[in-house]
Each structure stands twice: as structure tokens, then as C-alpha cells.
Amino acid sequence: MKKMITLLLALAMCACLAACGGADKQPAIDAFNKTSDAFDEVVNLINENPDAIDQEAIDTMNDMSDLLRQHKELLESDEEIEEDKLNEMIEWYGTVDDWIGEVKAALDEQIN
């Protein structure tokens, strides 16, 4: 768990590097940075309260972390990304944001 948290915090520190992409990537970069920051926040909450969340949520979090890392690498690269792929990424960030809201609500119920 500590390794995962360390990795996610490193992802947050590097998120600002994602802003180096081209103009076509900028909406996806902005959405990535917003989602990455919120994701890191919920990971910290989970880390502070590990007994308040079930294994399924942790597995989902790990899967999302892997995909966020892949997106980060893609957005930071010089590789051209098709508009459809960028839109798909942005839509997925909305899904992650929804999940983050659900986990925060569940954590609030468990903690309070």
C-alpha cells in the first residue's frame, strides 16, 4: 500500500509536467491534472483510513492509477494523439471524478 501511495504522490508531483504538450492536447492535459489532483487527494484519505474502504475499491483505485500513469506518459510525449482518443480520455476522467466523489462520500460515512 505504501508503494502505491508513493507512486501516486510522485504522479501528482509530475502532473505539472503534463502541461508541456501541444495545443491539441491542452483540454485533455487540463482534465488530467484536475482528475490526478483529486485522485491523489482521495488516495491520501484512504491511506489515512485504510479500514474504511473495501478491497474492491482498492483494486479499482489501483486500476485507475495504472491508467492515469499511462495517460500521463502519452500526454507528456511528442506523439500525436487523435481527437477521438483525447475525447475518450477526457470522458474517462469524468468517470474517475464520479468514482472519487462516491469514495469520498463512503469514507465520510465510515469516518463520521
PDB file of N, CA and C in Angstrom:
ATOM      1  N   MET A   1       0.830  -1.183   0.000  1.00  0.00           N
ATOM      2  CA  MET A   1       0.000   0.000   0.000  1.00  0.00           C
ATOM      3  C   MET A   1       0.879   1.252   0.000  1.00  0.00           C
ATOM      4  N   LYS A   2       1.971   1.225   0.784  1.00  0.00           N
ATOM      5  CA  LYS A   2       2.846   2.387   0.849  1.00  0.00           C
ATOM      6  C   LYS A   2       3.497   2.654  -0.501  1.00  0.00           C
ATOM      7  N   LYS A   3       3.877   1.598  -1.218  1.00  0.00           N
ATOM      8  CA  LYS A   3       4.479   1.774  -2.539  1.00  0.00           C
ATOM      9  C   LYS A   3       3.495   2.428  -3.493  1.00  0.00           C
ATOM     10  N   MET A   4       2.240   1.996  -3.407  1.00  0.00           N
ATOM     11  CA  MET A   4       1.225   2.555  -4.274  1.00  0.00           C
ATOM     12  C   MET A   4       1.018   4.035  -3.963  1.00  0.00           C
ATOM     13  N   ILE A   5       0.962   4.369  -2.697  1.00  0.00           N
ATOM     14  CA  ILE A   5       0.773   5.759  -2.290  1.00  0.00           C
ATOM     15  C   ILE A   5       1.958   6.598  -2.752  1.00  0.00           C
ATOM     16  N   THR A   6       3.155   6.077  -2.595  1.00  0.00           N
ATOM     17  CA  THR A   6       4.344   6.793  -3.037  1.00  0.00           C
ATOM     18  C   THR A   6       4.285   7.034  -4.536  1.00  0.00           C
ATOM     19  N   LEU A   7       3.877   6.038  -5.286  1.00  0.00           N
ATOM     20  CA  LEU A   7       3.772   6.166  -6.726  1.00  0.00           C
ATOM     21  C   LEU A   7       2.739   7.227  -7.100  1.00  0.00           C
ATOM     22  N   LEU A   8       1.613   7.224  -6.423  1.00  0.00           N
ATOM     23  CA  LEU A   8       0.569   8.198  -6.722  1.00  0.00           C
ATOM     24  C   LEU A   8       0.990   9.613  -6.361  1.00  0.00           C
ATOM     25  N   LEU A   9       1.724   9.751  -5.275  1.00  0.00           N
ATOM     26  CA  LEU A   9       2.213  11.079  -4.923  1.00  0.00           C
ATOM     27  C   LEU A   9       3.235  11.567  -5.941  1.00  0.00           C
ATOM     28  N   ALA A  10       4.061  10.662  -6.438  1.00  0.00           N
ATOM     29  CA  ALA A  10       5.008  11.035  -7.490  1.00  0.00           C
ATOM     30  C   ALA A  10       4.251  11.454  -8.744  1.00  0.00           C
ATOM     31  N   LEU A  11       3.147  10.777  -9.027  1.00  0.00           N
ATOM     32  CA  LEU A  11       2.311  11.146 -10.160  1.00  0.00           C
ATOM     33  C   LEU A  11       1.792  12.569 -10.001  1.00  0.00           C
ATOM     34  N   ALA A  12       1.375  12.912  -8.801  1.00  0.00           N
ATOM     35  CA  ALA A  12       0.866  14.262  -8.555  1.00  0.00           C
ATOM     36  C   ALA A  12       1.957  15.303  -8.740  1.00  0.00           C
ATOM     37  N   MET A  13       3.161  15.006  -8.261  1.00  0.00           N
ATOM     38  CA  MET A  13       4.254  15.960  -8.399  1.00  0.00           C
ATOM     39  C   MET A  13       4.643  16.158  -9.857  1.00  0.00           C
ATOM     40  N   CYS A  14       4.467  15.124 -10.655  1.00  0.00           N
ATOM     41  CA  CYS A  14       4.839  15.205 -12.072  1.00  0.00           C
ATOM     42  C   CYS A  14       3.696  15.723 -12.938  1.00  0.00           C
ATOM     43  N   ALA A  15       2.527  15.873 -12.369  1.00  0.00           N
ATOM     44  CA  ALA A  15       1.363  16.280 -13.163  1.00  0.00           C
ATOM     45  C   ALA A  15       1.598  17.600 -13.872  1.00  0.00           C
ATOM     46  N   CYS A  16       2.325  18.473 -13.242  1.00  0.00           N
ATOM     47  CA  CYS A  16       2.589  19.768 -13.871  1.00  0.00           C
ATOM     48  C   CYS A  16       3.402  19.595 -15.146  1.00  0.00           C
ATOM     49  N   LEU A  17       4.171  18.524 -15.261  1.00  0.00           N
ATOM     50  CA  LEU A  17       4.948  18.277 -16.467  1.00  0.00           C
ATOM     51  C   LEU A  17       4.052  17.977 -17.659  1.00  0.00           C
ATOM     52  N   ALA A  18       2.871  17.501 -17.388  1.00  0.00           N
ATOM     53  CA  ALA A  18       1.954  17.166 -18.474  1.00  0.00           C
ATOM     54  C   ALA A  18       1.553  18.398 -19.268  1.00  0.00           C
ATOM     55  N   ALA A  19       1.725  19.564 -18.724  1.00  0.00           N
ATOM     56  CA  ALA A  19       1.343  20.792 -19.395  1.00  0.00           C
ATOM     57  C   ALA A  19       2.271  21.137 -20.555  1.00  0.00           C
ATOM     58  N   CYS A  20       3.253  20.312 -20.838  1.00  0.00           N
ATOM     59  CA  CYS A  20       4.203  20.576 -21.911  1.00  0.00           C
ATOM     60  C   CYS A  20       3.693  20.126 -23.274  1.00  0.00           C
ATOM     61  N   GLY A  21       2.505  19.538 -23.352  1.00  0.00           N
ATOM     62  CA  GLY A  21       2.001  19.015 -24.615  1.00  0.00           C
ATOM     63  C   GLY A  21       1.571  20.112 -25.572  1.00  0.00           C
ATOM     64  N   GLY A  22       1.197  19.709 -26.780  1.00  0.00           N
ATOM     65  CA  GLY A  22       0.772  20.654 -27.794  1.00  0.00           C
ATOM     66  C   GLY A  22      -0.606  21.210 -27.516  1.00  0.00           C
ATOM     67  N   ALA A  23      -1.009  22.173 -28.326  1.00  0.00           N
ATOM     68  CA  ALA A  23      -2.287  22.861 -28.127  1.00  0.00           C
ATOM     69  C   ALA A  23      -3.467  21.904 -28.235  1.00  0.00           C
ATOM     70  N   ASP A  24      -3.392  20.915 -29.127  1.00  0.00           N
ATOM     71  CA  ASP A  24      -4.491  19.975 -29.285  1.00  0.00           C
ATOM     72  C   ASP A  24      -4.695  19.132 -28.036  1.00  0.00           C
ATOM     73  N   LYS A  25      -3.648  18.924 -27.294  1.00  0.00           N
ATOM     74  CA  LYS A  25      -3.714  18.103 -26.095  1.00  0.00           C
ATOM     75  C   LYS A  25      -4.178  18.881 -24.862  1.00  0.00           C
ATOM     76  N   GLN A  26      -4.199  20.191 -24.944  1.00  0.00           N
ATOM     77  CA  GLN A  26      -4.405  21.006 -23.743  1.00  0.00           C
ATOM     78  C   GLN A  26      -5.684  20.690 -22.976  1.00  0.00           C
ATOM     79  N   PRO A  27      -6.843  20.518 -23.624  1.00  0.00           N
ATOM     80  CA  PRO A  27      -8.040  20.173 -22.838  1.00  0.00           C
ATOM     81  C   PRO A  27      -7.873  18.850 -22.076  1.00  0.00           C
ATOM     82  N   ALA A  28      -7.239  17.868 -22.706  1.00  0.00           N
ATOM     83  CA  ALA A  28      -7.004  16.589 -22.029  1.00  0.00           C
ATOM     84  C   ALA A  28      -5.995  16.762 -20.901  1.00  0.00           C
ATOM     85  N   ILE A  29      -4.984  17.574 -21.113  1.00  0.00           N
ATOM     86  CA  ILE A  29      -3.983  17.828 -20.074  1.00  0.00           C
ATOM     87  C   ILE A  29      -4.636  18.498 -18.874  1.00  0.00           C
ATOM     88  N   ASP A  30      -5.476  19.493 -19.137  1.00  0.00           N
ATOM     89  CA  ASP A  30      -6.163  20.179 -18.041  1.00  0.00           C
ATOM     90  C   ASP A  30      -7.067  19.223 -17.267  1.00  0.00           C
ATOM     91  N   ALA A  31      -7.811  18.386 -17.994  1.00  0.00           N
ATOM     92  CA  ALA A  31      -8.691  17.411 -17.337  1.00  0.00           C
ATOM     93  C   ALA A  31      -7.870  16.392 -16.558  1.00  0.00           C
ATOM     94  N   PHE A  32      -6.756  15.959 -17.133  1.00  0.00           N
ATOM     95  CA  PHE A  32      -5.874  15.016 -16.450  1.00  0.00           C
ATOM     96  C   PHE A  32      -5.374  15.611 -15.140  1.00  0.00           C
ATOM     97  N   ASN A  33      -4.876  16.837 -15.192  1.00  0.00           N
ATOM     98  CA  ASN A  33      -4.326  17.466 -13.986  1.00  0.00           C
ATOM     99  C   ASN A  33      -5.377  17.596 -12.890  1.00  0.00           C
ATOM    100  N   LYS A  34      -6.592  17.999 -13.267  1.00  0.00           N
ATOM    101  CA  LYS A  34      -7.683  18.135 -12.290  1.00  0.00           C
ATOM    102  C   LYS A  34      -8.011  16.773 -11.670  1.00  0.00           C
ATOM    103  N   THR A  35      -8.156  15.768 -12.507  1.00  0.00           N
ATOM    104  CA  THR A  35      -8.504  14.428 -12.028  1.00  0.00           C
ATOM    105  C   THR A  35      -7.372  13.837 -11.204  1.00  0.00           C
ATOM    106  N   SER A  36      -6.148  14.026 -11.657  1.00  0.00           N
ATOM    107  CA  SER A  36      -4.990  13.489 -10.939  1.00  0.00           C
ATOM    108  C   SER A  36      -4.890  14.083  -9.535  1.00  0.00           C
ATOM    109  N   ASP A  37      -5.110  15.384  -9.426  1.00  0.00           N
ATOM    110  CA  ASP A  37      -5.068  16.030  -8.104  1.00  0.00           C
ATOM    111  C   ASP A  37      -6.158  15.478  -7.190  1.00  0.00           C
ATOM    112  N   ALA A  38      -7.372  15.343  -7.711  1.00  0.00           N
ATOM    113  CA  ALA A  38      -8.483  14.808  -6.909  1.00  0.00           C
ATOM    114  C   ALA A  38      -8.233  13.350  -6.551  1.00  0.00           C
ATOM    115  N   PHE A  39      -7.670  12.595  -7.480  1.00  0.00           N
ATOM    116  CA  PHE A  39      -7.360  11.183  -7.232  1.00  0.00           C
ATOM    117  C   PHE A  39      -6.330  11.064  -6.111  1.00  0.00           C
ATOM    118  N   ASP A  40      -5.297  11.887  -6.171  1.00  0.00           N
ATOM    119  CA  ASP A  40      -4.275  11.850  -5.116  1.00  0.00           C
ATOM    120  C   ASP A  40      -4.872  12.213  -3.759  1.00  0.00           C
ATOM    121  N   GLU A  41      -5.810  13.140  -3.750  1.00  0.00           N
ATOM    122  CA  GLU A  41      -6.469  13.536  -2.506  1.00  0.00           C
ATOM    123  C   GLU A  41      -7.237  12.363  -1.896  1.00  0.00           C
ATOM    124  N   VAL A  42      -7.987  11.630  -2.725  1.00  0.00           N
ATOM    125  CA  VAL A  42      -8.753  10.506  -2.198  1.00  0.00           C
ATOM    126  C   VAL A  42      -7.830   9.360  -1.791  1.00  0.00           C
ATOM    127  N   VAL A  43      -6.716   9.186  -2.491  1.00  0.00           N
ATOM    128  CA  VAL A  43      -5.745   8.158  -2.093  1.00  0.00           C
ATOM    129  C   VAL A  43      -5.190   8.483  -0.709  1.00  0.00           C
ATOM    130  N   ASN A  44      -4.907   9.745  -0.463  1.00  0.00           N
ATOM    131  CA  ASN A  44      -4.418  10.145   0.860  1.00  0.00           C
ATOM    132  C   ASN A  44      -5.463   9.870   1.935  1.00  0.00           C
ATOM    133  N   LEU A  45      -6.736  10.133   1.631  1.00  0.00           N
ATOM    134  CA  LEU A  45      -7.808   9.842   2.588  1.00  0.00           C
ATOM    135  C   LEU A  45      -7.900   8.348   2.870  1.00  0.00           C
ATOM    136  N   ILE A  46      -7.768   7.555   1.828  1.00  0.00           N
ATOM    137  CA  ILE A  46      -7.807   6.105   2.003  1.00  0.00           C
ATOM    138  C   ILE A  46      -6.612   5.646   2.830  1.00  0.00           C
ATOM    139  N   ASN A  47      -5.455   6.216   2.554  1.00  0.00           N
ATOM    140  CA  ASN A  47      -4.249   5.854   3.293  1.00  0.00           C
ATOM    141  C   ASN A  47      -4.386   6.192   4.778  1.00  0.00           C
ATOM    142  N   GLU A  48      -5.054   7.295   5.080  1.00  0.00           N
ATOM    143  CA  GLU A  48      -5.265   7.699   6.473  1.00  0.00           C
ATOM    144  C   GLU A  48      -6.307   6.827   7.163  1.00  0.00           C
ATOM    145  N   ASN A  49      -7.195   6.218   6.388  1.00  0.00           N
ATOM    146  CA  ASN A  49      -8.296   5.415   6.932  1.00  0.00           C
ATOM    147  C   ASN A  49      -8.417   4.096   6.174  1.00  0.00           C
ATOM    148  N   PRO A  50      -7.390   3.251   6.216  1.00  0.00           N
ATOM    149  CA  PRO A  50      -7.394   2.039   5.385  1.00  0.00           C
ATOM    150  C   PRO A  50      -8.511   1.050   5.707  1.00  0.00           C
ATOM    151  N   ASP A  51      -9.004   1.065   6.913  1.00  0.00           N
ATOM    152  CA  ASP A  51     -10.066   0.124   7.286  1.00  0.00           C
ATOM    153  C   ASP A  51     -11.452   0.598   6.846  1.00  0.00           C
ATOM    154  N   ALA A  52     -11.540   1.824   6.352  1.00  0.00           N
ATOM    155  CA  ALA A  52     -12.831   2.394   5.984  1.00  0.00           C
ATOM    156  C   ALA A  52     -13.218   2.091   4.538  1.00  0.00           C
ATOM    157  N   ILE A  53     -12.386   1.363   3.820  1.00  0.00           N
ATOM    158  CA  ILE A  53     -12.653   1.095   2.404  1.00  0.00           C
ATOM    159  C   ILE A  53     -12.449  -0.399   2.136  1.00  0.00           C
ATOM    160  N   ASP A  54     -13.228  -0.952   1.227  1.00  0.00           N
ATOM    161  CA  ASP A  54     -13.108  -2.384   0.946  1.00  0.00           C
ATOM    162  C   ASP A  54     -12.075  -2.668  -0.144  1.00  0.00           C
ATOM    163  N   GLN A  55     -11.752  -3.932  -0.282  1.00  0.00           N
ATOM    164  CA  GLN A  55     -10.721  -4.353  -1.233  1.00  0.00           C
ATOM    165  C   GLN A  55     -11.117  -4.043  -2.672  1.00  0.00           C
ATOM    166  N   GLU A  56     -12.396  -4.141  -2.982  1.00  0.00           N
ATOM    167  CA  GLU A  56     -12.851  -3.846  -4.341  1.00  0.00           C
ATOM    168  C   GLU A  56     -12.519  -2.401  -4.723  1.00  0.00           C
ATOM    169  N   ALA A  57     -12.728  -1.472  -3.802  1.00  0.00           N
ATOM    170  CA  ALA A  57     -12.408  -0.077  -4.066  1.00  0.00           C
ATOM    171  C   ALA A  57     -10.902   0.113  -4.233  1.00  0.00           C
ATOM    172  N   ILE A  58     -10.132  -0.598  -3.453  1.00  0.00           N
ATOM    173  CA  ILE A  58      -8.673  -0.512  -3.567  1.00  0.00           C
ATOM    174  C   ILE A  58      -8.216  -1.071  -4.909  1.00  0.00           C
ATOM    175  N   ASP A  59      -8.815  -2.178  -5.346  1.00  0.00           N
ATOM    176  CA  ASP A  59      -8.480  -2.744  -6.651  1.00  0.00           C
ATOM    177  C   ASP A  59      -8.839  -1.771  -7.777  1.00  0.00           C
ATOM    178  N   THR A  60     -10.005  -1.155  -7.671  1.00  0.00           N
ATOM    179  CA  THR A  60     -10.414  -0.163  -8.661  1.00  0.00           C
ATOM    180  C   THR A  60      -9.436   0.998  -8.668  1.00  0.00           C
ATOM    181  N   MET A  61      -9.041   1.440  -7.495  1.00  0.00           N
ATOM    182  CA  MET A  61      -8.084   2.536  -7.375  1.00  0.00           C
ATOM    183  C   MET A  61      -6.762   2.177  -8.053  1.00  0.00           C
ATOM    184  N   ASN A  62      -6.302   0.967  -7.854  1.00  0.00           N
ATOM    185  CA  ASN A  62      -5.051   0.528  -8.485  1.00  0.00           C
ATOM    186  C   ASN A  62      -5.174   0.516 -10.008  1.00  0.00           C
ATOM    187  N   ASP A  63      -6.302   0.029 -10.512  1.00  0.00           N
ATOM    188  CA  ASP A  63      -6.522   0.017 -11.958  1.00  0.00           C
ATOM    189  C   ASP A  63      -6.542   1.439 -12.520  1.00  0.00           C
ATOM    190  N   MET A  64      -7.223   2.329 -11.822  1.00  0.00           N
ATOM    191  CA  MET A  64      -7.278   3.723 -12.264  1.00  0.00           C
ATOM    192  C   MET A  64      -5.893   4.364 -12.221  1.00  0.00           C
ATOM    193  N   SER A  65      -5.142   4.039 -11.196  1.00  0.00           N
ATOM    194  CA  SER A  65      -3.788   4.581 -11.076  1.00  0.00           C
ATOM    195  C   SER A  65      -2.932   4.158 -12.263  1.00  0.00           C
ATOM    196  N   ASP A  66      -3.033   2.903 -12.652  1.00  0.00           N
ATOM    197  CA  ASP A  66      -2.275   2.416 -13.809  1.00  0.00           C
ATOM    198  C   ASP A  66      -2.657   3.166 -15.081  1.00  0.00           C
ATOM    199  N   LEU A  67      -3.953   3.345 -15.293  1.00  0.00           N
ATOM    200  CA  LEU A  67      -4.405   4.033 -16.500  1.00  0.00           C
ATOM    201  C   LEU A  67      -4.033   5.513 -16.465  1.00  0.00           C
ATOM    202  N   LEU A  68      -4.122   6.139 -15.308  1.00  0.00           N
ATOM    203  CA  LEU A  68      -3.688   7.532 -15.198  1.00  0.00           C
ATOM    204  C   LEU A  68      -2.204   7.672 -15.534  1.00  0.00           C
ATOM    205  N   ARG A  69      -1.416   6.739 -15.080  1.00  0.00           N
ATOM    206  CA  ARG A  69       0.024   6.762 -15.375  1.00  0.00           C
ATOM    207  C   ARG A  69       0.260   6.640 -16.883  1.00  0.00           C
ATOM    208  N   GLN A  70      -0.486   5.745 -17.538  1.00  0.00           N
ATOM    209  CA  GLN A  70      -0.359   5.583 -18.984  1.00  0.00           C
ATOM    210  C   GLN A  70      -0.771   6.857 -19.720  1.00  0.00           C
ATOM    211  N   HIS A  71      -1.841   7.467 -19.259  1.00  0.00           N
ATOM    212  CA  HIS A  71      -2.294   8.707 -19.889  1.00  0.00           C
ATOM    213  C   HIS A  71      -1.266   9.818 -19.697  1.00  0.00           C
ATOM    214  N   LYS A  72      -0.690   9.878 -18.530  1.00  0.00           N
ATOM    215  CA  LYS A  72       0.328  10.887 -18.249  1.00  0.00           C
ATOM    216  C   LYS A  72       1.487  10.757 -19.231  1.00  0.00           C
ATOM    217  N   GLU A  73       1.952   9.530 -19.407  1.00  0.00           N
ATOM    218  CA  GLU A  73       3.062   9.295 -20.331  1.00  0.00           C
ATOM    219  C   GLU A  73       2.678   9.685 -21.754  1.00  0.00           C
ATOM    220  N   LEU A  74       1.476   9.367 -22.167  1.00  0.00           N
ATOM    221  CA  LEU A  74       1.010   9.697 -23.502  1.00  0.00           C
ATOM    222  C   LEU A  74       0.888  11.214 -23.684  1.00  0.00           C
ATOM    223  N   LEU A  75       0.324  11.875 -22.690  1.00  0.00           N
ATOM    224  CA  LEU A  75       0.150  13.327 -22.785  1.00  0.00           C
ATOM    225  C   LEU A  75       1.478  14.071 -22.749  1.00  0.00           C
ATOM    226  N   GLU A  76       2.466  13.534 -22.061  1.00  0.00           N
ATOM    227  CA  GLU A  76       3.777  14.167 -21.990  1.00  0.00           C
ATOM    228  C   GLU A  76       4.622  13.911 -23.232  1.00  0.00           C
ATOM    229  N   SER A  77       4.268  12.890 -23.996  1.00  0.00           N
ATOM    230  CA  SER A  77       5.072  12.515 -25.155  1.00  0.00           C
ATOM    231  C   SER A  77       4.847  13.496 -26.309  1.00  0.00           C
ATOM    232  N   ASP A  78       5.719  13.413 -27.273  1.00  0.00           N
ATOM    233  CA  ASP A  78       5.583  14.212 -28.500  1.00  0.00           C
ATOM    234  C   ASP A  78       4.659  13.539 -29.500  1.00  0.00           C
ATOM    235  N   GLU A  79       4.175  12.370 -29.146  1.00  0.00           N
ATOM    236  CA  GLU A  79       3.298  11.604 -30.027  1.00  0.00           C
ATOM    237  C   GLU A  79       1.998  12.357 -30.277  1.00  0.00           C
ATOM    238  N   GLU A  80       1.589  12.373 -31.537  1.00  0.00           N
ATOM    239  CA  GLU A  80       0.302  12.965 -31.878  1.00  0.00           C
ATOM    240  C   GLU A  80      -0.806  12.032 -31.401  1.00  0.00           C
ATOM    241  N   ILE A  81      -1.860  12.613 -30.860  1.00  0.00           N
ATOM    242  CA  ILE A  81      -2.990  11.828 -30.374  1.00  0.00           C
ATOM    243  C   ILE A  81      -4.224  12.269 -31.145  1.00  0.00           C
ATOM    244  N   GLU A  82      -4.959  11.306 -31.662  1.00  0.00           N
ATOM    245  CA  GLU A  82      -6.172  11.619 -32.412  1.00  0.00           C
ATOM    246  C   GLU A  82      -7.202  12.282 -31.501  1.00  0.00           C
ATOM    247  N   GLU A  83      -7.993  13.144 -32.086  1.00  0.00           N
ATOM    248  CA  GLU A  83      -9.019  13.883 -31.338  1.00  0.00           C
ATOM    249  C   GLU A  83      -9.979  12.936 -30.619  1.00  0.00           C
ATOM    250  N   ASP A  84     -10.356  11.831 -31.276  1.00  0.00           N
ATOM    251  CA  ASP A  84     -11.256  10.859 -30.653  1.00  0.00           C
ATOM    252  C   ASP A  84     -10.652  10.274 -29.381  1.00  0.00           C
ATOM    253  N   LYS A  85      -9.357   9.969 -29.421  1.00  0.00           N
ATOM    254  CA  LYS A  85      -8.668   9.418 -28.250  1.00  0.00           C
ATOM    255  C   LYS A  85      -8.617  10.454 -27.127  1.00  0.00           C
ATOM    256  N   LEU A  86      -8.333  11.702 -27.471  1.00  0.00           N
ATOM    257  CA  LEU A  86      -8.310  12.761 -26.457  1.00  0.00           C
ATOM    258  C   LEU A  86      -9.683  12.919 -25.810  1.00  0.00           C
ATOM    259  N   ASN A  87     -10.724  12.886 -26.627  1.00  0.00           N
ATOM    260  CA  ASN A  87     -12.085  13.000 -26.085  1.00  0.00           C
ATOM    261  C   ASN A  87     -12.433  11.808 -25.200  1.00  0.00           C
ATOM    262  N   GLU A  88     -11.986  10.626 -25.607  1.00  0.00           N
ATOM    263  CA  GLU A  88     -12.209   9.422 -24.802  1.00  0.00           C
ATOM    264  C   GLU A  88     -11.513   9.545 -23.442  1.00  0.00           C
ATOM    265  N   MET A  89     -10.303  10.084 -23.457  1.00  0.00           N
ATOM    266  CA  MET A  89      -9.559  10.273 -22.216  1.00  0.00           C
ATOM    267  C   MET A  89     -10.300  11.253 -21.301  1.00  0.00           C
ATOM    268  N   ILE A  90     -10.742  12.359 -21.867  1.00  0.00           N
ATOM    269  CA  ILE A  90     -11.452  13.377 -21.086  1.00  0.00           C
ATOM    270  C   ILE A  90     -12.734  12.792 -20.486  1.00  0.00           C
ATOM    271  N   GLU A  91     -13.448  12.008 -21.280  1.00  0.00           N
ATOM    272  CA  GLU A  91     -14.673  11.372 -20.774  1.00  0.00           C
ATOM    273  C   GLU A  91     -14.347  10.430 -19.618  1.00  0.00           C
ATOM    274  N   TRP A  92     -13.271   9.671 -19.741  1.00  0.00           N
ATOM    275  CA  TRP A  92     -12.875   8.748 -18.673  1.00  0.00           C
ATOM    276  C   TRP A  92     -12.509   9.510 -17.403  1.00  0.00           C
ATOM    277  N   TYR A  93     -11.880  10.669 -17.544  1.00  0.00           N
ATOM    278  CA  TYR A  93     -11.552  11.467 -16.355  1.00  0.00           C
ATOM    279  C   TYR A  93     -12.822  11.853 -15.612  1.00  0.00           C
ATOM    280  N   GLY A  94     -13.912  12.096 -16.340  1.00  0.00           N
ATOM    281  CA  GLY A  94     -15.193  12.359 -15.694  1.00  0.00           C
ATOM    282  C   GLY A  94     -15.680  11.165 -14.900  1.00  0.00           C
ATOM    283  N   THR A  95     -15.468   9.966 -15.434  1.00  0.00           N
ATOM    284  CA  THR A  95     -15.826   8.744 -14.728  1.00  0.00           C
ATOM    285  C   THR A  95     -15.005   8.603 -13.440  1.00  0.00           C
ATOM    286  N   VAL A  96     -13.720   8.902 -13.543  1.00  0.00           N
ATOM    287  CA  VAL A  96     -12.852   8.847 -12.359  1.00  0.00           C
ATOM    288  C   VAL A  96     -13.326   9.872 -11.331  1.00  0.00           C
ATOM    289  N   ASP A  97     -13.659  11.066 -11.784  1.00  0.00           N
ATOM    290  CA  ASP A  97     -14.146  12.098 -10.866  1.00  0.00           C
ATOM    291  C   ASP A  97     -15.412  11.640 -10.147  1.00  0.00           C
ATOM    292  N   ASP A  98     -16.314  10.977 -10.866  1.00  0.00           N
ATOM    293  CA  ASP A  98     -17.530  10.443 -10.241  1.00  0.00           C
ATOM    294  C   ASP A  98     -17.174   9.405  -9.179  1.00  0.00           C
ATOM    295  N   TRP A  99     -16.242   8.509  -9.510  1.00  0.00           N
ATOM    296  CA  TRP A  99     -15.797   7.481  -8.559  1.00  0.00           C
ATOM    297  C   TRP A  99     -15.190   8.131  -7.323  1.00  0.00           C
ATOM    298  N   ILE A 100     -14.395   9.151  -7.527  1.00  0.00           N
ATOM    299  CA  ILE A 100     -13.773   9.858  -6.402  1.00  0.00           C
ATOM    300  C   ILE A 100     -14.845  10.415  -5.477  1.00  0.00           C
ATOM    301  N   GLY A 101     -15.878  11.013  -6.047  1.00  0.00           N
ATOM    302  CA  GLY A 101     -16.972  11.539  -5.237  1.00  0.00           C
ATOM    303  C   GLY A 101     -17.666  10.460  -4.431  1.00  0.00           C
ATOM    304  N   GLU A 102     -17.884   9.301  -5.047  1.00  0.00           N
ATOM    305  CA  GLU A 102     -18.525   8.182  -4.348  1.00  0.00           C
ATOM    306  C   GLU A 102     -17.650   7.668  -3.202  1.00  0.00           C
ATOM    307  N   VAL A 103     -16.356   7.564  -3.453  1.00  0.00           N
ATOM    308  CA  VAL A 103     -15.439   7.065  -2.416  1.00  0.00           C
ATOM    309  C   VAL A 103     -15.354   8.067  -1.265  1.00  0.00           C
ATOM    310  N   LYS A 104     -15.285   9.351  -1.581  1.00  0.00           N
ATOM    311  CA  LYS A 104     -15.255  10.368  -0.531  1.00  0.00           C
ATOM    312  C   LYS A 104     -16.508  10.294   0.339  1.00  0.00           C
ATOM    313  N   ALA A 105     -17.661  10.136  -0.303  1.00  0.00           N
ATOM    314  CA  ALA A 105     -18.913  10.028   0.448  1.00  0.00           C
ATOM    315  C   ALA A 105     -18.910   8.794   1.331  1.00  0.00           C
ATOM    316  N   ALA A 106     -18.436   7.674   0.798  1.00  0.00           N
ATOM    317  CA  ALA A 106     -18.368   6.432   1.587  1.00  0.00           C
ATOM    318  C   ALA A 106     -17.388   6.592   2.758  1.00  0.00           C
ATOM    319  N   LEU A 107     -16.271   7.254   2.506  1.00  0.00           N
ATOM    320  CA  LEU A 107     -15.302   7.478   3.580  1.00  0.00           C
ATOM    321  C   LEU A 107     -15.886   8.378   4.660  1.00  0.00           C
ATOM    322  N   ASP A 108     -16.604   9.413   4.242  1.00  0.00           N
ATOM    323  CA  ASP A 108     -17.235  10.310   5.213  1.00  0.00           C
ATOM    324  C   ASP A 108     -18.210   9.546   6.107  1.00  0.00           C
ATOM    325  N   GLU A 109     -18.995   8.637   5.508  1.00  0.00           N
ATOM    326  CA  GLU A 109     -19.937   7.837   6.290  1.00  0.00           C
ATOM    327  C   GLU A 109     -19.214   6.935   7.285  1.00  0.00           C
ATOM    328  N   GLN A 110     -18.132   6.319   6.837  1.00  0.00           N
ATOM    329  CA  GLN A 110     -17.376   5.391   7.685  1.00  0.00           C
ATOM    330  C   GLN A 110     -16.641   6.112   8.810  1.00  0.00           C
ATOM    331  N   ILE A 111     -16.110   7.282   8.495  1.00  0.00           N
ATOM    332  CA  ILE A 111     -15.298   8.013   9.472  1.00  0.00           C
ATOM    333  C   ILE A 111     -16.182   8.737  10.482  1.00  0.00           C
ATOM    334  N   ASN A 112     -17.266   9.292  10.019  1.00  0.00           N
ATOM    335  CA  ASN A 112     -18.142  10.105  10.891  1.00  0.00           C
ATOM    336  C   ASN A 112     -19.286   9.293  11.319  1.00  0.00           C
TER     337      ASN A 112
END
